[in-house]
C-alpha cells in the first residue's frame, strides 16, 4: 500500500509554516496525481489538518475520478 499525503492544494490564504511547502501542491499537480492513481487499490491519498482545499478542491477531484 502506498499513501500519498497532501497538506493542501492550490493558492494559500496565509503564509505556509515551516515544512508545509513539501506537501502543499498546485491544483494541476493534484489533478495529475489523481489521474495517475485512479482505480488503483494499492494507492491512498490522505489529507491532514482539514484545510478548506480538502473539501473545495480535493473532494470534487477525487469524486470525479471515481
Foldseek 3Di string as FASTA:
>chain_A
DAEQEAAEEDDDPDDDDPPNVVRYYYLVVLLVVLLVCQPPPVYHYHYPDPDPRCVVRVVVSNVVSD
